[in-house]
Amino acid sequence: MKPISALIAAAFLAGSSLTAAAADESAADYYKNETIHLIVGTGPGGGFDQYARLLAPELGKVTGATVVVENRPGGGGITAINQVASAEADGLSVMLINGVPAALGQITDAPAVRFKLQDLPFLGRVAAEPWVLLASKESGYTNLKDMVAAGKDGKTLSFSGLGRVDGPTDTAAVVCESLQLKCNLVVGFKGSSEASLAAIRGDVTGMAVTDRSARDYSQDGSLVPIAVIGHKHSKLLPDVPTIFEAVDVPQDGAFWIDFRASIVDIGRALITTPGTPDDRIEYLRGAFEKVLSDPELVKTAEDRGLPIDYASGADVQATVDKIFGNLPEDKLSEIRNVLLSKYF
């Protein structure tokens, strides 16, 4: 006969298992025949919209819910994140965010940002795109080593961008800071096409863009990809060295590259509203994992030029917590100076 303590322990374990199963069942039942609003902070037709419309029907199949894509453009996606962050915590508002401007907006205290990324429940990452530094053919540089040598000899290197923390500009600022170069960041271009045209003409030394844009811009040779800003190679440009392979990055300078790369790792990520019940968050994480790990969907996405680079919600949450948990106020002030003031 089993001791009373063993019987109690077994009953407790059985009860815990039943409770967990009931919670899972409750979350699954909750979503059936509900409407999930899959929100993107841009207009129709762009990359985020395409990803969302690819995922929506598949998420509907997994959950039994009706999934409606909603376009809420404004503020570079920040307006929609604010709305989701303050929505009803029912797990029915899901957003595909651009982690780079969201994180940089929070770090630089952008007035429009009314959320904290570390408070948002992350459900998974759809894709993350490494950033690449391009040199204008007109500049005469074909590699980063020569560009750095010129910069250290006192030549001012210039890079085009739209605004101070738009992606191209802050990436260039981080490169200049990490390698201690004399740089001038030229902003105010109305779009990436206009900024790239300035680089093509040779009005600036170069620019920084995602690897997909770098591949497109470099096809005719007018812009030359010279370094991936991180430790990992680009799958789209496998022959382009990382910045650590291209030059000797000073030990103090490595912080800036690693900092920017960690923000890139947030990527195109899925969030829901803070306060959403834990069982619904876990259910949605599982649903997105099933969708984003499906080989057929991954192939369809690749065929459409929408690569999937899945990371779990827990992993993205850990990345966000690490970024914001390791930045003391004095370091934050230094980052804000580099991104907003030093090279303008």
Protein backbone atom coordinates (compact mmCIF):
# COMPACT_ATOMS: atom_id res chain seq x y z
CA MET A 1 0.00 0.00 0.00
CA LYS A 2 1.40 3.45 -0.93
CA PRO A 3 2.11 5.93 1.87
CA ILE A 4 -0.42 8.71 2.34
CA SER A 5 2.21 11.29 1.30
CA ALA A 6 2.76 9.50 -2.02
CA LEU A 7 -0.98 9.38 -2.70
CA ILE A 8 -1.29 13.09 -1.94
CA ALA A 9 1.64 13.88 -4.25
CA ALA A 10 0.14 11.78 -7.05
CA ALA A 11 -3.22 13.47 -6.62
CA PHE A 12 -1.55 16.87 -6.69
CA LEU A 13 0.32 16.04 -9.90
CA ALA A 14 -2.80 14.66 -11.53
CA GLY A 15 -4.71 17.77 -10.52
CA SER A 16 -1.96 20.02 -11.90
CA SER A 17 -1.98 18.13 -15.21
CA LEU A 18 -5.75 18.40 -15.46
CA THR A 19 -5.57 22.12 -14.66
CA ALA A 20 -2.94 22.71 -17.38
CA ALA A 21 -4.94 20.66 -19.88
CA ALA A 22 -8.08 22.59 -18.99
CA ALA A 23 -6.23 25.88 -19.47
CA ASP A 24 -4.99 24.78 -22.90
CA GLU A 25 -8.44 23.60 -23.84
CA SER A 26 -9.97 26.84 -22.59
CA ALA A 27 -7.61 28.96 -24.71
CA ALA A 28 -8.22 26.80 -27.79
CA ASP A 29 -11.97 26.96 -27.29
CA TYR A 30 -11.81 30.70 -26.72
CA TYR A 31 -10.36 31.42 -30.15
CA LYS A 32 -12.74 29.24 -32.12
CA ASN A 33 -15.17 31.43 -34.04
CA GLU A 34 -13.62 34.61 -32.60
CA THR A 35 -12.09 37.38 -34.74
CA ILE A 36 -8.36 38.04 -34.44
CA HIS A 37 -7.24 41.43 -35.72
CA LEU A 38 -3.78 41.07 -37.30
CA ILE A 39 -2.54 44.64 -37.43
CA VAL A 40 0.26 46.14 -39.50
CA GLY A 41 1.49 49.70 -39.04
CA THR A 42 1.91 50.35 -42.77
CA GLY A 43 -0.36 50.69 -45.76
CA PRO A 44 -1.40 47.87 -48.11
CA GLY A 45 1.13 46.31 -50.44
CA GLY A 46 4.35 46.67 -48.47
CA GLY A 47 6.45 43.91 -46.98
CA PHE A 48 4.69 43.87 -43.60
CA ASP A 49 1.29 43.79 -45.26
CA GLN A 50 2.39 40.91 -47.51
CA TYR A 51 3.65 38.89 -44.56
CA ALA A 52 0.43 39.51 -42.62
CA ARG A 53 -1.81 38.45 -45.52
CA LEU A 54 0.29 35.32 -45.99
CA LEU A 55 -0.03 34.37 -42.30
CA ALA A 56 -3.66 35.33 -41.71
CA PRO A 57 -5.41 32.37 -43.40
CA GLU A 58 -2.93 29.89 -41.93
CA LEU A 59 -3.46 31.26 -38.43
CA GLY A 60 -7.19 30.97 -39.01
CA LYS A 61 -6.83 27.30 -39.91
CA VAL A 62 -4.83 26.56 -36.76
CA THR A 63 -7.03 28.51 -34.33
CA GLY A 64 -10.47 28.24 -35.91
CA ALA A 65 -10.73 32.02 -35.70
CA THR A 66 -11.46 34.53 -38.41
CA VAL A 67 -8.24 36.49 -38.91
CA VAL A 68 -8.64 39.97 -40.37
CA VAL A 69 -5.64 42.02 -41.51
CA GLU A 70 -5.92 45.69 -40.56
CA ASN A 71 -3.65 48.39 -41.97
CA ARG A 72 -3.05 51.23 -39.52
CA PRO A 73 -0.28 53.38 -41.04
CA GLY A 74 1.21 56.31 -39.18
CA GLY A 75 4.34 57.28 -37.33
CA GLY A 76 6.44 54.56 -38.92
CA GLY A 77 4.33 51.92 -37.22
CA ILE A 78 4.60 53.52 -33.76
CA THR A 79 0.98 54.74 -33.75
CA ALA A 80 -0.37 51.21 -34.21
CA ILE A 81 1.91 49.79 -31.49
CA ASN A 82 0.58 52.43 -29.09
CA GLN A 83 -2.95 51.33 -29.95
CA VAL A 84 -2.24 47.63 -29.45
CA ALA A 85 -0.36 48.32 -26.21
CA SER A 86 -3.47 50.00 -24.78
CA ALA A 87 -6.13 47.74 -26.34
CA GLU A 88 -8.39 45.39 -24.40
CA ALA A 89 -6.26 42.57 -23.01
CA ASP A 90 -8.25 39.78 -24.64
CA GLY A 91 -5.63 38.33 -26.99
CA LEU A 92 -7.61 39.31 -30.07
CA SER A 93 -5.34 42.20 -31.10
CA VAL A 94 -2.10 40.93 -32.63
CA MET A 95 0.42 43.11 -34.45
CA LEU A 96 3.34 42.44 -36.75
CA ILE A 97 5.79 45.14 -35.69
CA ASN A 98 9.08 46.44 -37.04
CA GLY A 99 11.32 45.86 -34.03
CA VAL A 100 14.12 48.19 -35.16
CA PRO A 101 12.32 51.56 -35.12
CA ALA A 102 10.22 50.45 -32.16
CA ALA A 103 13.30 49.71 -30.04
CA LEU A 104 15.24 52.76 -31.23
CA GLY A 105 12.21 55.00 -30.69
CA GLN A 106 11.97 53.81 -27.10
CA ILE A 107 15.73 54.11 -26.48
CA THR A 108 15.88 57.67 -27.84
CA ASP A 109 12.74 58.78 -25.99
CA ALA A 110 10.84 59.60 -29.17
CA PRO A 111 7.80 61.66 -28.13
CA ALA A 112 5.38 59.44 -30.05
CA VAL A 113 6.40 56.26 -28.19
CA ARG A 114 3.94 55.43 -25.41
CA PHE A 115 4.91 51.80 -24.83
CA LYS A 116 7.73 49.73 -23.36
CA LEU A 117 8.73 46.80 -25.52
CA GLN A 118 9.66 44.74 -22.47
CA ASP A 119 6.02 45.00 -21.30
CA LEU A 120 4.59 43.68 -24.57
CA PRO A 121 3.94 39.91 -24.86
CA PHE A 122 5.91 38.64 -27.87
CA LEU A 123 4.37 35.74 -29.79
CA GLY A 124 7.20 35.00 -32.23
CA ARG A 125 9.41 36.46 -34.92
CA VAL A 126 8.60 36.11 -38.59
CA ALA A 127 11.90 37.35 -40.01
CA ALA A 128 15.03 39.31 -39.20
CA GLU A 129 17.03 41.06 -41.91
CA PRO A 130 20.72 41.83 -41.40
CA TRP A 131 21.93 45.30 -42.37
CA VAL A 132 24.63 45.88 -44.95
CA LEU A 133 26.92 48.84 -45.56
CA LEU A 134 27.11 49.87 -49.22
CA ALA A 135 29.77 52.04 -50.84
CA SER A 136 29.04 54.21 -53.84
CA LYS A 137 30.94 53.11 -56.92
CA GLU A 138 31.71 56.80 -57.45
CA SER A 139 33.52 56.90 -54.09
CA GLY A 140 36.20 54.53 -55.34
CA TYR A 141 35.91 52.24 -52.30
CA THR A 142 35.45 48.54 -52.93
CA ASN A 143 36.02 47.32 -49.38
CA LEU A 144 35.57 48.51 -45.83
CA LYS A 145 39.28 48.39 -45.01
CA ASP A 146 40.10 51.13 -47.52
CA MET A 147 37.14 53.19 -46.40
CA VAL A 148 38.23 52.97 -42.76
CA ALA A 149 41.83 53.89 -43.66
CA ALA A 150 40.57 57.01 -45.43
CA GLY A 151 38.35 57.91 -42.50
CA LYS A 152 41.20 57.57 -40.04
CA ASP A 153 43.40 59.72 -42.27
CA GLY A 154 40.95 62.55 -41.74
CA LYS A 155 38.65 62.16 -44.74
CA THR A 156 35.00 62.75 -43.86
CA LEU A 157 32.78 59.85 -44.87
CA SER A 158 29.15 60.65 -45.60
CA PHE A 159 26.07 58.42 -45.57
CA SER A 160 22.51 59.11 -46.65
CA GLY A 161 19.34 58.53 -44.66
CA LEU A 162 15.81 59.72 -44.06
CA GLY A 163 15.78 60.61 -40.36
CA ARG A 164 18.02 60.09 -37.38
CA VAL A 165 16.80 56.64 -36.31
CA ASP A 166 15.29 55.37 -39.53
CA GLY A 167 17.53 52.31 -39.99
CA PRO A 168 20.00 53.53 -42.62
CA THR A 169 21.11 56.53 -40.56
CA ASP A 170 21.44 54.91 -37.15
CA THR A 171 23.27 51.94 -38.68
CA ALA A 172 25.78 54.28 -40.29
CA ALA A 173 26.15 56.16 -36.98
CA VAL A 174 26.90 52.91 -35.17
CA VAL A 175 29.54 51.96 -37.77
CA CYS A 176 31.19 55.38 -37.50
CA GLU A 177 31.23 55.19 -33.72
CA SER A 178 32.47 51.62 -33.51
CA LEU A 179 35.37 52.31 -35.89
CA GLN A 180 36.02 55.87 -34.65
CA LEU A 181 35.61 57.47 -38.07
CA LYS A 182 35.05 61.06 -39.08
CA CYS A 183 31.53 60.97 -40.53
CA ASN A 184 28.69 63.17 -41.69
CA LEU A 185 25.19 61.72 -41.88
CA VAL A 186 23.02 63.42 -44.48
CA VAL A 187 19.29 63.13 -43.70
CA GLY A 188 16.08 64.62 -45.03
CA PHE A 189 15.62 62.42 -48.09
CA LYS A 190 11.95 61.70 -48.70
CA GLY A 191 12.38 57.97 -49.17
CA SER A 192 14.87 55.15 -49.54
CA SER A 193 14.86 55.54 -53.33
CA GLU A 194 15.92 59.18 -53.04
CA ALA A 195 18.57 58.32 -50.43
CA SER A 196 19.96 55.53 -52.61
CA LEU A 197 20.04 57.83 -55.65
CA ALA A 198 22.27 60.22 -53.70
CA ALA A 199 24.65 57.33 -53.06
CA ILE A 200 24.52 56.16 -56.67
CA ARG A 201 25.39 59.67 -57.90
CA GLY A 202 28.28 59.84 -55.47
CA ASP A 203 26.80 62.72 -53.45
CA VAL A 204 27.58 60.61 -50.37
CA THR A 205 30.13 57.87 -49.68
CA GLY A 206 27.47 55.23 -49.23
CA MET A 207 24.48 54.08 -47.22
CA ALA A 208 23.25 51.24 -45.01
CA VAL A 209 20.23 49.11 -45.91
CA THR A 210 18.79 45.66 -45.24
CA ASP A 211 20.41 42.78 -47.09
CA ARG A 212 17.41 42.44 -49.40
CA SER A 213 17.68 46.08 -50.44
CA ALA A 214 21.46 45.75 -50.67
CA ARG A 215 21.06 42.86 -53.08
CA ASP A 216 18.68 44.89 -55.25
CA TYR A 217 20.72 48.11 -55.17
CA SER A 218 23.99 46.35 -56.00
CA GLN A 219 22.83 44.40 -59.04
CA ASP A 220 24.07 46.97 -61.55
CA GLY A 221 27.31 47.67 -59.66
CA SER A 222 26.50 51.28 -58.83
CA LEU A 223 26.52 50.43 -55.12
CA VAL A 224 28.96 47.91 -53.64
CA PRO A 225 28.08 45.86 -50.54
CA ILE A 226 31.19 45.91 -48.33
CA ALA A 227 30.15 44.59 -44.90
CA VAL A 228 27.31 42.99 -42.98
CA ILE A 229 26.83 44.88 -39.71
CA GLY A 230 26.91 41.96 -37.31
CA HIS A 231 28.48 38.57 -36.67
CA LYS A 232 26.34 36.56 -39.10
CA HIS A 233 26.58 36.40 -42.87
CA SER A 234 23.62 37.35 -45.04
CA LYS A 235 21.94 34.42 -46.77
CA LEU A 236 21.16 36.73 -49.68
CA LEU A 237 24.73 38.03 -49.97
CA PRO A 238 26.84 35.13 -48.70
CA ASP A 239 30.12 36.48 -50.12
CA VAL A 240 29.92 39.78 -48.26
CA PRO A 241 32.07 39.69 -45.11
CA THR A 242 30.82 40.67 -41.68
CA ILE A 243 32.27 43.87 -40.28
CA PHE A 244 34.38 41.78 -37.91
CA GLU A 245 35.87 39.90 -40.88
CA ALA A 246 36.36 43.02 -42.98
CA VAL A 247 38.32 45.09 -40.44
CA ASP A 248 39.69 44.95 -36.91
CA VAL A 249 36.88 46.31 -34.76
CA PRO A 250 38.25 47.90 -31.57
CA GLN A 251 37.19 46.14 -28.38
CA ASP A 252 35.20 49.16 -27.20
CA GLY A 253 33.69 49.48 -30.66
CA ALA A 254 32.27 45.95 -30.65
CA PHE A 255 29.60 47.09 -28.19
CA TRP A 256 28.03 49.32 -30.84
CA ILE A 257 27.86 46.58 -33.46
CA ASP A 258 26.50 44.03 -30.98
CA PHE A 259 23.96 46.55 -29.70
CA ARG A 260 22.65 47.27 -33.20
CA ALA A 261 22.64 43.57 -34.14
CA SER A 262 20.61 42.67 -31.05
CA ILE A 263 17.95 45.16 -32.12
CA VAL A 264 17.94 43.61 -35.59
CA ASP A 265 17.28 40.25 -33.88
CA ILE A 266 13.88 41.51 -32.72
CA GLY A 267 13.00 41.70 -36.39
CA ARG A 268 9.50 41.53 -37.78
CA ALA A 269 7.90 40.33 -34.59
CA LEU A 270 4.40 39.52 -33.41
CA ILE A 271 2.99 41.07 -30.23
CA THR A 272 -0.29 41.22 -28.38
CA THR A 273 -1.67 43.43 -25.60
CA PRO A 274 -0.10 43.54 -22.12
CA GLY A 275 -2.30 41.84 -19.55
CA THR A 276 -3.56 39.17 -21.96
CA PRO A 277 -4.10 35.95 -19.96
CA ASP A 278 -1.01 33.74 -19.93
CA ASP A 279 -2.82 30.74 -21.37
CA ARG A 280 -3.89 32.78 -24.42
CA ILE A 281 -0.37 34.08 -24.91
CA GLU A 282 1.03 30.56 -24.82
CA TYR A 283 -1.69 29.32 -27.14
CA LEU A 284 -0.93 32.06 -29.68
CA ARG A 285 2.78 31.36 -29.41
CA GLY A 286 2.11 27.72 -30.19
CA ALA A 287 -0.20 28.61 -33.07
CA PHE A 288 2.36 30.92 -34.68
CA GLU A 289 5.11 28.36 -34.19
CA LYS A 290 3.00 25.82 -36.04
CA VAL A 291 2.28 28.27 -38.86
CA LEU A 292 5.82 29.62 -39.22
CA SER A 293 7.44 26.18 -39.03
CA ASP A 294 5.27 24.68 -41.75
CA PRO A 295 7.58 23.73 -44.65
CA GLU A 296 4.92 24.47 -47.26
CA LEU A 297 4.32 27.98 -45.95
CA VAL A 298 8.06 28.63 -45.64
CA LYS A 299 8.54 27.64 -49.28
CA THR A 300 5.59 29.76 -50.43
CA ALA A 301 7.03 32.71 -48.54
CA GLU A 302 10.47 32.19 -50.07
CA ASP A 303 8.95 32.00 -53.56
CA ARG A 304 7.29 35.37 -52.92
CA GLY A 305 10.50 36.95 -51.70
CA LEU A 306 9.33 36.88 -48.09
CA PRO A 307 11.90 34.80 -46.21
CA ILE A 308 10.89 33.26 -42.89
CA ASP A 309 13.42 33.37 -40.05
CA TYR A 310 11.31 32.11 -37.15
CA ALA A 311 12.20 32.64 -33.51
CA SER A 312 9.91 31.73 -30.61
CA GLY A 313 8.03 34.33 -28.62
CA ALA A 314 10.05 33.40 -25.53
CA ASP A 315 13.33 33.89 -27.40
CA VAL A 316 12.30 37.31 -28.74
CA GLN A 317 11.09 38.30 -25.27
CA ALA A 318 14.50 37.31 -23.88
CA THR A 319 16.26 39.42 -26.54
CA VAL A 320 14.15 42.46 -25.67
CA ASP A 321 14.69 41.97 -21.93
CA LYS A 322 18.44 41.70 -22.49
CA ILE A 323 18.58 44.90 -24.54
CA PHE A 324 16.68 47.01 -22.06
CA GLY A 325 17.93 45.28 -18.95
CA ASN A 326 21.60 45.94 -19.72
CA LEU A 327 21.48 49.65 -20.51
CA PRO A 328 22.27 51.88 -17.53
CA GLU A 329 21.29 55.53 -17.80
CA ASP A 330 24.81 56.74 -18.61
CA LYS A 331 25.03 54.27 -21.52
CA LEU A 332 21.59 55.30 -22.73
CA SER A 333 22.74 58.92 -22.78
CA GLU A 334 25.80 57.95 -24.83
CA ILE A 335 23.66 56.00 -27.31
CA ARG A 336 21.26 58.91 -27.69
CA ASN A 337 24.15 61.27 -28.37
CA VAL A 338 25.60 59.00 -31.07
CA LEU A 339 22.26 58.36 -32.76
CA LEU A 340 20.76 61.83 -32.51
CA SER A 341 23.58 64.38 -32.46
CA LYS A 342 27.22 63.38 -32.89
CA TYR A 343 27.43 62.85 -36.65
CA PHE A 344 25.05 65.54 -37.89
